[in-house]
Amino acid sequence: MTEPTLTGTQPAPAVDEVVAVVRQHAGVSGKGAIAQVSGFVDTGDPLHGPGDDGAVVKLDGARAVVCGEAISPPFVRSDPYGAGVASVLANVNDVAAMGGVPKAIVNTVIGRDADLTEVFRGMSDAARMYDVPIVGGHLTRTESDTSLSAFALGQVRSPLSMAHVRPGQAVMFAACLNGTMRADFPFFTSIEEQSETLARDVRLLAQVADDGLAVAAKDVSMAGALGSLAMLLEFTRHGTHVDLDRMPVPADTDPLRWLIAFPTYAFWLTTPAERAADCAAVFEAHDLVCAQVGEVTEASLLTIGSGGRKATLMDLATETITGLWA
């Protein structure tokens, strides 16, 4: 497996600073609200219900993945075109993280005509880049603030799920590092750089799933890299030690901001230890980075280390991100 360039071109932050920043990040602390759904739906099986990036639904011999995303209202207000792109991106990434191939997008949009035009332009451009059709939705015109939600349908043969996480598996981080960090929101965008390859790149998750090179995955979203990893681990309550000195970071990017960013293309995977190199090779063959940064442990501690120093980010035996299995 190729040795990655790990900390970009900026100095690595102290591990205690990383812990403080990640734990205070709104994308992590705000996930606790998800626990409310446990009073209304069964959360015992994340593969077929709440917990994973999407839910697998059996359909007469075939299997579908369904998922949905509501886009942050301040982001919709500030950049309706970008919000349109993000609504497709987030759903396609969720389908991919389940080992699925995206097949259709529907949406719910409420807002002003000027915003609606930009939202739909963004969704249309993203749908073209990801090669997934927008097949319908709901539209309401109003003079109040614009809101946007979108939903995806995918097809899956070999589902990836947090329920499959086991001790001894390699913890892999796959990403596109060619992009820029937005100044206004913690989004690392590689849309422009990946525009011609996004449809192919996002389907690599289904390839490694079907080939048995990965068993679980989670896309890096609003919780950032380490928060999303905690979400991947919280159902089984296994832990890992993340070697931050092996963590891929884009050049000229603040490592702390990268660790709480929502990248266009970044995924955690767990894979059988003996297949880690083969898994990495799939992504590296397409000019993406894929590095093993840890190993799933029997113990529940999620720890990080850099430069010989180590700190505990979370103990998943007593702490939770979503609260679904508290």
Protein backbone atom coordinates (compact mmCIF):
# COMPACT_ATOMS: atom_id res chain seq x y z
CA MET A 1 0.00 0.00 0.00
CA THR A 2 1.32 3.44 -0.93
CA GLU A 3 2.50 5.56 1.99
CA PRO A 4 0.28 8.67 2.01
CA THR A 5 1.32 12.26 2.54
CA LEU A 6 -0.29 12.65 5.90
CA THR A 7 -0.36 16.09 7.44
CA GLY A 8 -0.40 18.29 4.36
CA THR A 9 1.90 21.30 4.50
CA GLN A 10 0.78 22.77 7.82
CA PRO A 11 1.95 21.70 11.30
CA ALA A 12 -0.05 18.94 12.96
CA PRO A 13 -2.17 20.20 15.89
CA ALA A 14 -1.72 18.95 19.44
CA VAL A 15 -3.92 15.97 20.24
CA ASP A 16 -5.58 17.70 23.21
CA GLU A 17 -6.54 20.58 20.91
CA VAL A 18 -8.02 18.15 18.41
CA VAL A 19 -10.14 16.54 21.15
CA ALA A 20 -11.44 19.90 22.34
CA VAL A 21 -12.28 21.17 18.84
CA VAL A 22 -14.02 17.96 17.75
CA ARG A 23 -16.07 17.57 20.91
CA GLN A 24 -17.22 21.21 20.75
CA HIS A 25 -18.04 21.06 17.04
CA ALA A 26 -21.76 21.65 16.45
CA GLY A 27 -21.79 18.90 13.84
CA VAL A 28 -20.91 16.45 16.63
CA SER A 29 -22.78 17.82 19.63
CA GLY A 30 -25.93 18.43 17.58
CA LYS A 31 -26.27 14.77 16.59
CA GLY A 32 -27.73 13.92 19.98
CA ALA A 33 -31.13 15.16 18.82
CA ILE A 34 -31.39 12.04 16.65
CA ALA A 35 -32.10 10.03 19.80
CA GLN A 36 -35.68 11.32 19.72
CA VAL A 37 -36.58 8.92 16.89
CA SER A 38 -35.95 5.91 19.12
CA GLY A 39 -39.34 6.52 20.73
CA PHE A 40 -41.12 6.03 17.40
CA VAL A 41 -39.14 3.50 15.36
CA ASP A 42 -37.16 0.33 16.02
CA THR A 43 -33.43 1.11 16.28
CA GLY A 44 -32.25 -2.42 16.94
CA ASP A 45 -31.06 -3.06 13.38
CA PRO A 46 -29.16 -0.16 11.79
CA LEU A 47 -28.82 -1.94 8.44
CA HIS A 48 -32.60 -1.93 7.92
CA GLY A 49 -33.49 1.12 9.99
CA PRO A 50 -32.12 4.26 11.61
CA GLY A 51 -28.42 4.40 12.35
CA ASP A 52 -26.56 3.76 9.12
CA ASP A 53 -26.29 6.35 6.33
CA GLY A 54 -29.34 4.77 4.71
CA ALA A 55 -31.69 1.86 5.25
CA VAL A 56 -31.71 -1.34 3.20
CA VAL A 57 -35.17 -2.43 2.02
CA LYS A 58 -35.82 -5.86 0.53
CA LEU A 59 -37.80 -5.84 -2.72
CA ASP A 60 -38.71 -9.30 -4.01
CA GLY A 61 -35.17 -10.56 -4.34
CA ALA A 62 -33.52 -7.20 -4.90
CA ARG A 63 -32.35 -4.74 -2.25
CA ALA A 64 -32.76 -0.99 -2.26
CA VAL A 65 -31.12 1.73 -0.18
CA VAL A 66 -33.26 4.70 0.85
CA CYS A 67 -32.03 7.85 2.56
CA GLY A 68 -32.74 11.57 2.93
CA GLU A 69 -31.05 14.84 3.86
CA ALA A 70 -32.27 18.26 5.01
CA ILE A 71 -29.85 21.01 4.03
CA SER A 72 -28.78 23.54 6.66
CA PRO A 73 -31.10 26.60 6.41
CA PRO A 74 -28.25 29.13 6.78
CA PHE A 75 -26.45 27.43 3.89
CA VAL A 76 -29.58 27.46 1.71
CA ARG A 77 -30.05 31.14 2.51
CA SER A 78 -26.43 32.03 1.77
CA ASP A 79 -25.84 29.87 -1.31
CA PRO A 80 -28.96 28.31 -2.84
CA TYR A 81 -27.00 26.97 -5.81
CA GLY A 82 -24.45 25.30 -3.52
CA ALA A 83 -27.29 23.95 -1.40
CA GLY A 84 -28.81 22.35 -4.49
CA VAL A 85 -25.50 20.66 -5.25
CA ALA A 86 -25.13 19.57 -1.63
CA SER A 87 -28.59 18.00 -1.54
CA VAL A 88 -27.62 15.58 -4.29
CA LEU A 89 -24.06 15.11 -3.03
CA ALA A 90 -25.10 14.21 0.52
CA ASN A 91 -27.64 11.65 -0.64
CA VAL A 92 -25.37 10.04 -3.21
CA ASN A 93 -22.62 9.76 -0.59
CA ASP A 94 -25.06 8.13 1.82
CA VAL A 95 -26.05 5.55 -0.79
CA ALA A 96 -22.38 4.92 -1.55
CA ALA A 97 -21.55 4.47 2.15
CA MET A 98 -24.08 1.63 2.21
CA GLY A 99 -22.29 -0.05 -0.71
CA GLY A 100 -25.05 1.02 -3.08
CA VAL A 101 -25.33 2.61 -6.51
CA PRO A 102 -27.55 5.73 -6.71
CA LYS A 103 -30.57 5.34 -8.98
CA ALA A 104 -32.88 8.33 -8.35
CA ILE A 105 -33.29 11.58 -6.41
CA VAL A 106 -36.50 13.31 -5.29
CA ASN A 107 -36.75 16.59 -3.43
CA THR A 108 -38.92 18.88 -1.33
CA VAL A 109 -38.35 22.60 -1.92
CA ILE A 110 -40.20 25.53 -0.36
CA GLY A 111 -39.16 29.09 -1.09
CA ARG A 112 -38.88 32.21 -3.24
CA ASP A 113 -38.69 32.05 -7.04
CA ALA A 114 -35.15 33.46 -7.21
CA ASP A 115 -33.88 30.90 -4.71
CA LEU A 116 -35.80 28.06 -6.33
CA THR A 117 -34.13 28.72 -9.67
CA GLU A 118 -30.67 28.50 -8.12
CA VAL A 119 -31.53 25.44 -6.03
CA PHE A 120 -32.77 23.56 -9.08
CA ARG A 121 -29.78 24.67 -11.14
CA GLY A 122 -27.47 23.27 -8.46
CA MET A 123 -29.40 20.02 -8.23
CA SER A 124 -29.41 19.64 -12.01
CA ASP A 125 -25.66 20.19 -12.30
CA ALA A 126 -24.97 17.75 -9.47
CA ALA A 127 -27.32 15.12 -10.92
CA ARG A 128 -25.40 15.32 -14.19
CA MET A 129 -22.02 15.00 -12.46
CA TYR A 130 -23.14 12.01 -10.36
CA ASP A 131 -25.09 10.42 -13.23
CA VAL A 132 -28.27 10.07 -11.17
CA PRO A 133 -31.66 11.36 -12.36
CA ILE A 134 -33.96 13.69 -10.44
CA VAL A 135 -37.30 11.94 -10.87
CA GLY A 136 -39.72 14.12 -8.90
CA GLY A 137 -40.51 15.82 -5.65
CA HIS A 138 -42.59 18.60 -4.15
CA LEU A 139 -42.46 22.35 -4.77
CA THR A 140 -44.16 25.14 -2.80
CA ARG A 141 -43.68 28.84 -3.68
CA THR A 142 -43.52 31.18 -0.72
CA GLU A 143 -41.93 34.48 0.29
CA SER A 144 -40.47 32.99 3.47
CA ASP A 145 -36.98 31.53 3.77
CA THR A 146 -36.24 28.74 1.34
CA SER A 147 -35.93 25.20 2.72
CA LEU A 148 -34.58 22.17 0.91
CA SER A 149 -34.65 18.44 1.54
CA ALA A 150 -33.79 15.64 -0.85
CA PHE A 151 -34.06 11.88 -0.83
CA ALA A 152 -32.32 9.08 -2.72
CA LEU A 153 -33.04 5.56 -3.91
CA GLY A 154 -30.14 3.22 -4.59
CA GLN A 155 -29.57 -0.43 -5.39
CA VAL A 156 -27.24 -2.60 -3.32
CA ARG A 157 -25.91 -6.15 -3.60
CA SER A 158 -23.44 -6.32 -0.69
CA PRO A 159 -24.50 -3.81 1.97
CA LEU A 160 -21.91 -2.03 4.07
CA SER A 161 -23.10 -1.46 7.65
CA MET A 162 -21.88 -0.33 11.04
CA ALA A 163 -23.36 -3.60 12.32
CA HIS A 164 -20.49 -5.42 10.55
CA VAL A 165 -17.69 -3.67 12.49
CA ARG A 166 -15.51 -6.22 14.29
CA PRO A 167 -12.20 -6.13 16.21
CA GLY A 168 -9.14 -6.67 14.03
CA GLN A 169 -10.55 -4.96 10.95
CA ALA A 170 -8.43 -2.26 9.34
CA VAL A 171 -9.77 1.29 9.63
CA MET A 172 -9.36 3.01 6.25
CA PHE A 173 -9.82 6.64 5.22
CA ALA A 174 -10.52 7.29 1.52
CA ALA A 175 -10.79 10.81 0.15
CA CYS A 176 -10.16 13.29 -2.62
CA LEU A 177 -7.61 15.84 -1.40
CA ASN A 178 -7.74 18.03 -4.51
CA GLY A 179 -10.01 20.93 -3.60
CA THR A 180 -10.46 24.02 -1.47
CA MET A 181 -11.92 24.81 1.94
CA ARG A 182 -14.81 27.27 1.85
CA ALA A 183 -14.29 30.34 4.00
CA ASP A 184 -17.93 30.70 5.09
CA PHE A 185 -18.89 27.11 5.95
CA PRO A 186 -16.71 24.11 6.96
CA PHE A 187 -17.05 22.49 3.55
CA PHE A 188 -14.07 21.16 1.60
CA THR A 189 -15.19 21.19 -2.02
CA SER A 190 -13.63 19.14 -4.78
CA ILE A 191 -16.66 19.48 -7.07
CA GLU A 192 -14.72 21.36 -9.72
CA GLU A 193 -11.71 19.06 -9.56
CA GLN A 194 -13.82 15.88 -9.60
CA SER A 195 -16.62 17.02 -11.89
CA GLU A 196 -15.66 14.54 -14.63
CA THR A 197 -15.01 11.62 -12.26
CA LEU A 198 -17.56 11.96 -9.43
CA ALA A 199 -19.97 9.43 -10.95
CA ARG A 200 -17.17 6.88 -11.17
CA ASP A 201 -15.56 7.74 -7.83
CA VAL A 202 -18.75 7.47 -5.79
CA ARG A 203 -19.43 4.01 -7.23
CA LEU A 204 -16.09 2.67 -6.00
CA LEU A 205 -17.73 1.99 -2.63
CA ALA A 206 -20.07 -0.51 -4.29
CA GLN A 207 -17.08 -2.09 -6.02
CA VAL A 208 -15.11 -2.69 -2.81
CA ALA A 209 -18.28 -3.95 -1.09
CA ASP A 210 -19.10 -6.40 -3.87
CA ASP A 211 -15.48 -7.61 -3.97
CA GLY A 212 -15.40 -8.23 -0.21
CA LEU A 213 -12.75 -5.54 0.33
CA ALA A 214 -14.85 -3.63 2.87
CA VAL A 215 -17.63 -4.56 5.29
CA ALA A 216 -18.64 -1.22 6.81
CA ALA A 217 -18.48 2.42 5.78
CA LYS A 218 -19.56 5.90 6.75
CA ASP A 219 -19.34 9.04 4.66
CA VAL A 220 -17.68 12.03 6.32
CA SER A 221 -20.43 14.63 6.68
CA MET A 222 -21.37 17.43 9.08
CA ALA A 223 -19.78 15.68 12.06
CA GLY A 224 -16.37 15.90 10.38
CA ALA A 225 -13.87 13.09 10.01
CA LEU A 226 -13.46 12.02 13.64
CA GLY A 227 -17.11 12.59 14.56
CA SER A 228 -18.21 10.49 11.59
CA LEU A 229 -15.79 7.73 12.63
CA ALA A 230 -17.35 7.73 16.10
CA MET A 231 -20.76 7.30 14.45
CA LEU A 232 -19.45 4.32 12.50
CA LEU A 233 -18.27 2.66 15.72
CA GLU A 234 -21.03 3.56 18.16
CA PHE A 235 -23.45 0.71 17.40
CA THR A 236 -20.98 -2.10 18.17
CA ARG A 237 -19.16 0.06 20.75
CA HIS A 238 -15.80 -1.08 19.50
CA GLY A 239 -12.99 1.45 19.42
CA THR A 240 -9.87 2.31 17.51
CA HIS A 241 -6.70 4.34 17.79
CA VAL A 242 -6.36 6.86 14.95
CA ASP A 243 -2.79 7.70 14.04
CA LEU A 244 -3.15 11.34 13.00
CA ASP A 245 0.35 11.20 11.52
CA ARG A 246 -1.10 8.82 8.92
CA MET A 247 -4.28 10.83 8.36
CA PRO A 248 -4.44 12.29 4.83
CA VAL A 249 -4.82 16.09 4.87
CA PRO A 250 -5.02 18.35 1.80
CA ALA A 251 -2.03 20.58 1.19
CA ASP A 252 -2.30 24.17 2.46
CA THR A 253 -5.29 23.23 4.62
CA ASP A 254 -5.60 23.78 8.36
CA PRO A 255 -5.59 20.22 9.78
CA LEU A 256 -7.97 21.20 12.58
CA ARG A 257 -10.48 22.63 10.12
CA TRP A 258 -10.09 19.56 7.91
CA LEU A 259 -10.98 17.28 10.83
CA ILE A 260 -14.37 19.02 11.31
CA ALA A 261 -15.05 19.66 7.61
CA PHE A 262 -17.66 18.10 5.34
CA PRO A 263 -15.65 17.09 2.24
CA THR A 264 -17.17 16.45 -1.16
CA TYR A 265 -15.61 13.00 -1.16
CA ALA A 266 -14.38 11.30 2.02
CA PHE A 267 -15.33 7.95 3.54
CA TRP A 268 -14.37 5.74 6.46
CA LEU A 269 -14.28 2.02 5.76
CA THR A 270 -13.48 -1.05 7.78
CA THR A 271 -12.05 -4.00 5.92
CA PRO A 272 -10.60 -7.40 6.75
CA ALA A 273 -6.99 -6.74 7.73
CA GLU A 274 -5.64 -9.02 5.01
CA ARG A 275 -7.62 -7.09 2.34
CA ALA A 276 -6.59 -3.57 3.39
CA ALA A 277 -3.95 -3.15 0.68
CA ASP A 278 -6.35 -4.37 -2.00
CA CYS A 279 -9.04 -1.97 -0.77
CA ALA A 280 -6.63 0.98 -0.84
CA ALA A 281 -5.47 0.04 -4.34
CA VAL A 282 -8.99 0.46 -5.76
CA PHE A 283 -9.12 4.11 -4.72
CA GLU A 284 -5.47 4.86 -5.46
CA ALA A 285 -5.90 3.56 -9.03
CA HIS A 286 -8.32 6.46 -9.55
CA ASP A 287 -6.09 9.24 -8.15
CA LEU A 288 -7.76 9.18 -4.74
CA VAL A 289 -6.03 8.65 -1.41
CA CYS A 290 -6.82 5.68 0.83
CA ALA A 291 -4.81 5.15 3.99
CA GLN A 292 -5.05 2.74 6.89
CA VAL A 293 -5.01 4.92 10.01
CA GLY A 294 -6.03 2.40 12.64
CA GLU A 295 -7.49 -0.99 13.57
CA VAL A 296 -10.80 -1.81 15.23
CA THR A 297 -10.26 -2.83 18.86
CA GLU A 298 -12.30 -4.87 21.31
CA ALA A 299 -12.08 -1.99 23.78
CA SER A 300 -14.54 0.89 23.42
CA LEU A 301 -12.06 3.77 23.45
CA LEU A 302 -11.72 6.03 20.39
CA THR A 303 -8.27 7.53 20.82
CA ILE A 304 -6.03 9.69 18.66
CA GLY A 305 -2.28 10.05 18.56
CA SER A 306 0.36 12.25 16.95
CA GLY A 307 4.05 12.80 17.51
CA GLY A 308 4.17 10.26 20.32
CA ARG A 309 1.28 11.86 22.24
CA LYS A 310 -2.10 10.19 22.76
CA ALA A 311 -5.53 11.37 23.92
CA THR A 312 -8.97 9.84 24.31
CA LEU A 313 -11.61 11.42 22.11
CA MET A 314 -14.53 9.32 23.36
CA ASP A 315 -15.38 6.19 25.31
CA LEU A 316 -18.17 4.57 23.32
CA ALA A 317 -19.13 2.36 26.26
CA THR A 318 -20.41 5.40 28.14
CA GLU A 319 -20.76 8.11 25.48
CA THR A 320 -22.70 8.37 22.25
CA ILE A 321 -23.03 10.59 19.19
CA THR A 322 -26.63 9.99 18.10
CA GLY A 323 -28.02 8.52 21.30
CA LEU A 324 -29.85 5.81 19.33
CA TRP A 325 -28.29 3.04 21.42
CA ALA A 326 -27.48 4.93 24.62
